[in-house]
N, C-alpha and C. Protein backbone atom coordinates (compact mmCIF):
# COMPACT_ATOMS: atom_id res chain seq x y z
N MET A 1 0.85 -1.16 0.00
CA MET A 1 0.00 0.00 0.00
C MET A 1 0.90 1.23 0.00
N LEU A 2 0.64 2.11 -0.93
CA LEU A 2 1.37 3.38 -0.98
C LEU A 2 0.38 4.51 -0.77
N GLU A 3 0.74 5.40 0.15
CA GLU A 3 -0.12 6.52 0.47
C GLU A 3 0.74 7.63 1.03
N LEU A 4 0.40 8.84 0.69
CA LEU A 4 1.02 9.99 1.33
C LEU A 4 0.03 10.51 2.36
N GLY A 5 0.50 10.74 3.55
CA GLY A 5 -0.38 11.21 4.60
C GLY A 5 -0.57 12.71 4.56
N ALA A 6 -1.43 13.18 5.44
CA ALA A 6 -1.71 14.60 5.51
C ALA A 6 -0.44 15.40 5.80
N ASN A 7 0.43 14.85 6.63
CA ASN A 7 1.67 15.57 6.93
C ASN A 7 2.52 15.78 5.68
N ASP A 8 2.52 14.80 4.79
CA ASP A 8 3.26 14.96 3.53
C ASP A 8 2.69 16.12 2.72
N ALA A 9 1.38 16.18 2.64
CA ALA A 9 0.73 17.24 1.87
C ALA A 9 0.93 18.59 2.52
N LEU A 10 0.88 18.65 3.82
CA LEU A 10 0.96 19.93 4.52
C LEU A 10 2.35 20.53 4.51
N ARG A 11 3.31 19.82 3.96
CA ARG A 11 4.65 20.39 3.79
C ARG A 11 4.63 21.45 2.71
N GLY A 12 3.59 21.44 1.86
CA GLY A 12 3.44 22.47 0.84
C GLY A 12 4.43 22.35 -0.31
N LEU A 13 4.95 21.16 -0.55
CA LEU A 13 5.87 20.99 -1.68
C LEU A 13 5.13 21.26 -2.99
N PRO A 14 5.86 21.68 -4.02
CA PRO A 14 5.21 21.80 -5.33
C PRO A 14 4.61 20.44 -5.72
N LEU A 15 3.41 20.47 -6.26
CA LEU A 15 2.73 19.21 -6.60
C LEU A 15 3.51 18.39 -7.61
N ALA A 16 4.24 19.02 -8.49
CA ALA A 16 5.06 18.27 -9.45
C ALA A 16 6.09 17.43 -8.71
N THR A 17 6.67 17.96 -7.66
CA THR A 17 7.64 17.22 -6.86
C THR A 17 6.97 16.06 -6.15
N THR A 18 5.83 16.33 -5.55
CA THR A 18 5.09 15.28 -4.85
C THR A 18 4.68 14.17 -5.81
N ARG A 19 4.19 14.56 -6.98
CA ARG A 19 3.77 13.58 -8.00
C ARG A 19 4.96 12.74 -8.45
N ASP A 20 6.09 13.38 -8.68
CA ASP A 20 7.30 12.66 -9.10
C ASP A 20 7.76 11.69 -8.02
N ASN A 21 7.73 12.12 -6.77
CA ASN A 21 8.15 11.26 -5.66
C ASN A 21 7.24 10.04 -5.53
N LEU A 22 5.93 10.27 -5.59
CA LEU A 22 5.00 9.15 -5.48
C LEU A 22 5.13 8.21 -6.68
N SER A 23 5.32 8.76 -7.86
CA SER A 23 5.52 7.93 -9.05
C SER A 23 6.77 7.08 -8.91
N LYS A 24 7.82 7.65 -8.38
CA LYS A 24 9.07 6.91 -8.19
C LYS A 24 8.86 5.76 -7.19
N LEU A 25 8.09 6.02 -6.13
CA LEU A 25 7.79 4.94 -5.17
C LEU A 25 7.03 3.81 -5.86
N VAL A 26 6.06 4.16 -6.71
CA VAL A 26 5.31 3.15 -7.45
C VAL A 26 6.26 2.34 -8.33
N GLU A 27 7.12 3.02 -9.05
CA GLU A 27 8.05 2.34 -9.94
C GLU A 27 8.99 1.41 -9.18
N LEU A 28 9.53 1.88 -8.07
CA LEU A 28 10.43 1.04 -7.27
C LEU A 28 9.70 -0.19 -6.73
N ALA A 29 8.50 0.01 -6.26
CA ALA A 29 7.73 -1.11 -5.71
C ALA A 29 7.37 -2.13 -6.79
N THR A 30 6.89 -1.65 -7.93
CA THR A 30 6.48 -2.58 -8.99
C THR A 30 7.69 -3.29 -9.59
N HIS A 31 8.80 -2.59 -9.74
CA HIS A 31 10.01 -3.24 -10.26
C HIS A 31 10.55 -4.28 -9.30
N ALA A 32 10.25 -4.12 -8.01
CA ALA A 32 10.67 -5.12 -7.02
C ALA A 32 9.69 -6.29 -6.96
N GLY A 33 8.62 -6.23 -7.75
CA GLY A 33 7.67 -7.32 -7.80
C GLY A 33 6.47 -7.17 -6.89
N ALA A 34 6.33 -6.04 -6.25
CA ALA A 34 5.20 -5.83 -5.35
C ALA A 34 3.94 -5.49 -6.13
N ARG A 35 2.82 -5.95 -5.62
CA ARG A 35 1.52 -5.51 -6.12
C ARG A 35 1.18 -4.26 -5.33
N VAL A 36 0.89 -3.19 -6.00
CA VAL A 36 0.72 -1.90 -5.35
C VAL A 36 -0.75 -1.52 -5.29
N LEU A 37 -1.17 -1.12 -4.11
CA LEU A 37 -2.47 -0.50 -3.92
C LEU A 37 -2.18 0.96 -3.60
N LEU A 38 -2.66 1.85 -4.44
CA LEU A 38 -2.48 3.28 -4.22
C LEU A 38 -3.64 3.77 -3.36
N VAL A 39 -3.30 4.46 -2.28
CA VAL A 39 -4.32 4.92 -1.34
C VAL A 39 -4.30 6.44 -1.32
N GLY A 40 -5.42 7.02 -1.72
CA GLY A 40 -5.52 8.47 -1.83
C GLY A 40 -5.73 9.15 -0.50
N MET A 41 -5.35 10.40 -0.49
CA MET A 41 -5.51 11.25 0.69
C MET A 41 -6.06 12.59 0.21
N ARG A 42 -6.76 13.24 1.07
CA ARG A 42 -7.23 14.60 0.82
C ARG A 42 -6.63 15.49 1.89
N ILE A 43 -6.54 16.76 1.56
CA ILE A 43 -5.97 17.71 2.50
C ILE A 43 -6.99 18.78 2.84
N PRO A 44 -6.81 19.44 3.98
CA PRO A 44 -7.71 20.53 4.32
C PRO A 44 -7.64 21.64 3.26
N PRO A 45 -8.70 22.40 3.12
CA PRO A 45 -8.77 23.39 2.04
C PRO A 45 -7.92 24.64 2.25
N ASN A 46 -7.18 24.73 3.34
CA ASN A 46 -6.43 25.96 3.61
C ASN A 46 -5.26 26.20 2.66
N TYR A 47 -4.95 25.25 1.78
CA TYR A 47 -3.91 25.48 0.77
C TYR A 47 -4.49 26.02 -0.52
N GLY A 48 -5.77 26.29 -0.51
CA GLY A 48 -6.44 26.85 -1.68
C GLY A 48 -7.09 25.77 -2.51
N PRO A 49 -8.13 26.13 -3.25
CA PRO A 49 -8.89 25.14 -4.01
C PRO A 49 -8.07 24.46 -5.11
N ARG A 50 -7.19 25.19 -5.75
CA ARG A 50 -6.41 24.59 -6.84
C ARG A 50 -5.44 23.53 -6.31
N TYR A 51 -4.67 23.86 -5.29
CA TYR A 51 -3.70 22.92 -4.72
C TYR A 51 -4.43 21.70 -4.15
N THR A 52 -5.52 21.97 -3.43
CA THR A 52 -6.29 20.89 -2.81
C THR A 52 -6.84 19.93 -3.87
N ALA A 53 -7.43 20.48 -4.92
CA ALA A 53 -8.00 19.64 -5.99
C ALA A 53 -6.91 18.89 -6.74
N GLU A 54 -5.82 19.54 -7.04
CA GLU A 54 -4.73 18.89 -7.77
C GLU A 54 -4.07 17.80 -6.93
N PHE A 55 -3.97 18.01 -5.62
CA PHE A 55 -3.41 16.98 -4.75
C PHE A 55 -4.28 15.73 -4.81
N GLU A 56 -5.58 15.90 -4.72
CA GLU A 56 -6.49 14.76 -4.79
C GLU A 56 -6.44 14.09 -6.16
N LYS A 57 -6.40 14.88 -7.22
CA LYS A 57 -6.37 14.36 -8.59
C LYS A 57 -5.08 13.58 -8.87
N MET A 58 -4.00 13.94 -8.20
CA MET A 58 -2.72 13.29 -8.42
C MET A 58 -2.83 11.76 -8.27
N TYR A 59 -3.60 11.31 -7.30
CA TYR A 59 -3.72 9.87 -7.07
C TYR A 59 -4.40 9.17 -8.25
N ALA A 60 -5.48 9.76 -8.74
CA ALA A 60 -6.18 9.16 -9.88
C ALA A 60 -5.27 9.15 -11.11
N ASP A 61 -4.52 10.21 -11.30
CA ASP A 61 -3.60 10.28 -12.45
C ASP A 61 -2.54 9.18 -12.37
N ILE A 62 -1.95 9.01 -11.20
CA ILE A 62 -0.91 7.99 -11.04
C ILE A 62 -1.51 6.59 -11.13
N SER A 63 -2.68 6.40 -10.55
CA SER A 63 -3.36 5.12 -10.66
C SER A 63 -3.60 4.75 -12.12
N GLY A 64 -4.08 5.70 -12.89
CA GLY A 64 -4.32 5.45 -14.31
C GLY A 64 -3.04 5.22 -15.09
N ARG A 65 -2.03 6.00 -14.80
CA ARG A 65 -0.75 5.89 -15.52
C ARG A 65 -0.12 4.51 -15.33
N TYR A 66 -0.19 4.00 -14.11
CA TYR A 66 0.46 2.72 -13.81
C TYR A 66 -0.53 1.55 -13.71
N HIS A 67 -1.79 1.81 -14.01
CA HIS A 67 -2.83 0.77 -13.98
C HIS A 67 -2.91 0.11 -12.61
N LEU A 68 -3.02 0.94 -11.58
CA LEU A 68 -3.04 0.45 -10.21
C LEU A 68 -4.45 0.50 -9.63
N PRO A 69 -4.78 -0.47 -8.80
CA PRO A 69 -6.01 -0.33 -8.03
C PRO A 69 -5.83 0.82 -7.04
N MET A 70 -6.93 1.48 -6.70
CA MET A 70 -6.82 2.65 -5.85
C MET A 70 -8.02 2.76 -4.91
N VAL A 71 -7.74 3.18 -3.72
CA VAL A 71 -8.76 3.61 -2.77
C VAL A 71 -8.71 5.13 -2.80
N PRO A 72 -9.79 5.80 -3.21
CA PRO A 72 -9.73 7.25 -3.41
C PRO A 72 -9.38 8.08 -2.17
N PHE A 73 -9.89 7.69 -0.99
CA PHE A 73 -9.64 8.49 0.21
C PHE A 73 -9.62 7.59 1.43
N LEU A 74 -8.45 7.42 1.99
CA LEU A 74 -8.24 6.52 3.12
C LEU A 74 -9.18 6.81 4.29
N LEU A 75 -9.41 8.06 4.57
CA LEU A 75 -10.17 8.45 5.75
C LEU A 75 -11.63 8.77 5.45
N GLN A 76 -12.13 8.24 4.36
CA GLN A 76 -13.48 8.54 3.88
C GLN A 76 -14.53 8.47 4.99
N SER A 77 -14.49 7.44 5.79
CA SER A 77 -15.56 7.24 6.77
C SER A 77 -15.23 7.79 8.16
N VAL A 78 -14.07 8.40 8.33
CA VAL A 78 -13.72 8.90 9.66
C VAL A 78 -13.32 10.37 9.70
N ALA A 79 -12.93 10.95 8.59
CA ALA A 79 -12.34 12.29 8.59
C ALA A 79 -13.23 13.35 9.22
N LEU A 80 -14.52 13.24 9.03
CA LEU A 80 -15.43 14.26 9.55
C LEU A 80 -16.11 13.86 10.85
N ASP A 81 -15.61 12.80 11.47
CA ASP A 81 -16.16 12.32 12.74
C ASP A 81 -15.12 12.54 13.84
N PRO A 82 -15.26 13.61 14.61
CA PRO A 82 -14.25 13.92 15.63
C PRO A 82 -14.10 12.84 16.70
N THR A 83 -15.09 11.97 16.85
CA THR A 83 -14.96 10.90 17.84
C THR A 83 -14.03 9.79 17.37
N ARG A 84 -13.71 9.79 16.07
CA ARG A 84 -12.83 8.75 15.52
C ARG A 84 -11.52 9.32 14.99
N MET A 85 -11.24 10.58 15.33
CA MET A 85 -10.01 11.23 14.90
C MET A 85 -9.23 11.71 16.12
N GLN A 86 -7.90 11.73 15.97
CA GLN A 86 -7.06 12.29 17.02
C GLN A 86 -7.31 13.79 17.11
N GLU A 87 -6.82 14.41 18.17
CA GLU A 87 -7.04 15.84 18.38
C GLU A 87 -6.48 16.69 17.25
N ASP A 88 -5.47 16.18 16.53
CA ASP A 88 -4.90 16.97 15.43
C ASP A 88 -5.84 17.08 14.23
N GLY A 89 -6.89 16.26 14.22
CA GLY A 89 -7.85 16.30 13.11
C GLY A 89 -7.33 15.70 11.83
N LEU A 90 -6.14 15.11 11.85
CA LEU A 90 -5.51 14.56 10.65
C LEU A 90 -5.38 13.05 10.67
N HIS A 91 -5.35 12.48 11.85
CA HIS A 91 -5.08 11.05 11.99
C HIS A 91 -6.20 10.36 12.76
N PRO A 92 -6.59 9.15 12.32
CA PRO A 92 -7.62 8.43 13.06
C PRO A 92 -7.10 7.96 14.41
N ASN A 93 -8.01 7.83 15.36
CA ASN A 93 -7.66 7.27 16.65
C ASN A 93 -8.00 5.78 16.64
N ALA A 94 -7.82 5.12 17.77
CA ALA A 94 -8.07 3.67 17.83
C ALA A 94 -9.52 3.34 17.48
N LYS A 95 -10.44 4.19 17.84
CA LYS A 95 -11.85 3.96 17.51
C LYS A 95 -12.10 4.07 16.00
N GLY A 96 -11.30 4.86 15.31
CA GLY A 96 -11.48 5.05 13.87
C GLY A 96 -10.80 4.01 12.99
N GLU A 97 -9.81 3.32 13.54
CA GLU A 97 -9.03 2.38 12.72
C GLU A 97 -9.87 1.26 12.09
N PRO A 98 -10.85 0.66 12.79
CA PRO A 98 -11.66 -0.36 12.12
C PRO A 98 -12.38 0.17 10.87
N ALA A 99 -12.82 1.42 10.91
CA ALA A 99 -13.48 2.01 9.75
C ALA A 99 -12.49 2.23 8.60
N VAL A 100 -11.25 2.55 8.94
CA VAL A 100 -10.21 2.69 7.91
C VAL A 100 -10.00 1.35 7.23
N LEU A 101 -9.93 0.29 8.01
CA LEU A 101 -9.79 -1.06 7.43
C LEU A 101 -10.98 -1.37 6.53
N ASP A 102 -12.18 -1.02 6.96
CA ASP A 102 -13.37 -1.26 6.14
C ASP A 102 -13.28 -0.52 4.80
N THR A 103 -12.63 0.63 4.79
CA THR A 103 -12.45 1.39 3.55
C THR A 103 -11.44 0.70 2.64
N LEU A 104 -10.37 0.18 3.22
CA LEU A 104 -9.30 -0.45 2.44
C LEU A 104 -9.62 -1.87 1.98
N TRP A 105 -10.24 -2.65 2.83
CA TRP A 105 -10.35 -4.08 2.62
C TRP A 105 -10.95 -4.52 1.29
N PRO A 106 -12.03 -3.91 0.81
CA PRO A 106 -12.60 -4.39 -0.47
C PRO A 106 -11.61 -4.32 -1.64
N THR A 107 -10.69 -3.39 -1.61
CA THR A 107 -9.70 -3.27 -2.69
C THR A 107 -8.43 -4.04 -2.36
N LEU A 108 -8.08 -4.12 -1.09
CA LEU A 108 -6.86 -4.80 -0.68
C LEU A 108 -6.99 -6.32 -0.72
N GLU A 109 -8.10 -6.85 -0.27
CA GLU A 109 -8.25 -8.31 -0.18
C GLU A 109 -7.98 -9.02 -1.50
N PRO A 110 -8.55 -8.58 -2.64
CA PRO A 110 -8.24 -9.28 -3.89
C PRO A 110 -6.75 -9.29 -4.25
N LEU A 111 -6.04 -8.23 -3.88
CA LEU A 111 -4.60 -8.19 -4.16
C LEU A 111 -3.84 -9.22 -3.32
N LEU A 112 -4.30 -9.45 -2.11
CA LEU A 112 -3.66 -10.42 -1.24
C LEU A 112 -3.87 -11.85 -1.72
N LYS A 113 -4.97 -12.07 -2.42
CA LYS A 113 -5.31 -13.40 -2.90
C LYS A 113 -4.72 -13.70 -4.28
N LYS A 114 -4.30 -12.67 -4.99
CA LYS A 114 -3.80 -12.83 -6.36
C LYS A 114 -2.49 -13.61 -6.39
N ASN A 115 -2.37 -14.49 -7.35
CA ASN A 115 -1.10 -15.18 -7.59
C ASN A 115 -0.38 -14.50 -8.73
N HIS A 116 0.93 -14.52 -8.68
CA HIS A 116 1.71 -13.94 -9.79
C HIS A 116 1.64 -14.80 -11.02
C-alpha cells in the first residue's frame, strides 16, 4: 500500500515534486515485484482550491498511468467524525481504525489473494 499522509501534503511541496516522488515509489515497488495499492488522501482546504483539488487528482492520475487499483480516500468514513479522529484532526484514533480497514479491505483483499 502506498499513500502519502496529511503531513506529507501539509509540507506544501510543489505538486510536481510530490507527484514525481509518489511515481518513483510506485516504480520502485512494482520493479521489485510488489503488487501496489495506491491509497488516496485529501488535505484541508487551507492550501487553496487549486492545490487541494490537484493533490487529490494526483492519485487518480498515477493510478491510471500505472494501472493500479486505488482507494480514493483513506479516511473517507472517519475524517469528519471527531470521535474517531485524534485531536490533530488529521489522523484516526483507535476507535477510527476499524473504519479505515473497512475502507481499504474491499480493494486490498483481492490483491492479497492474487497469484503472480
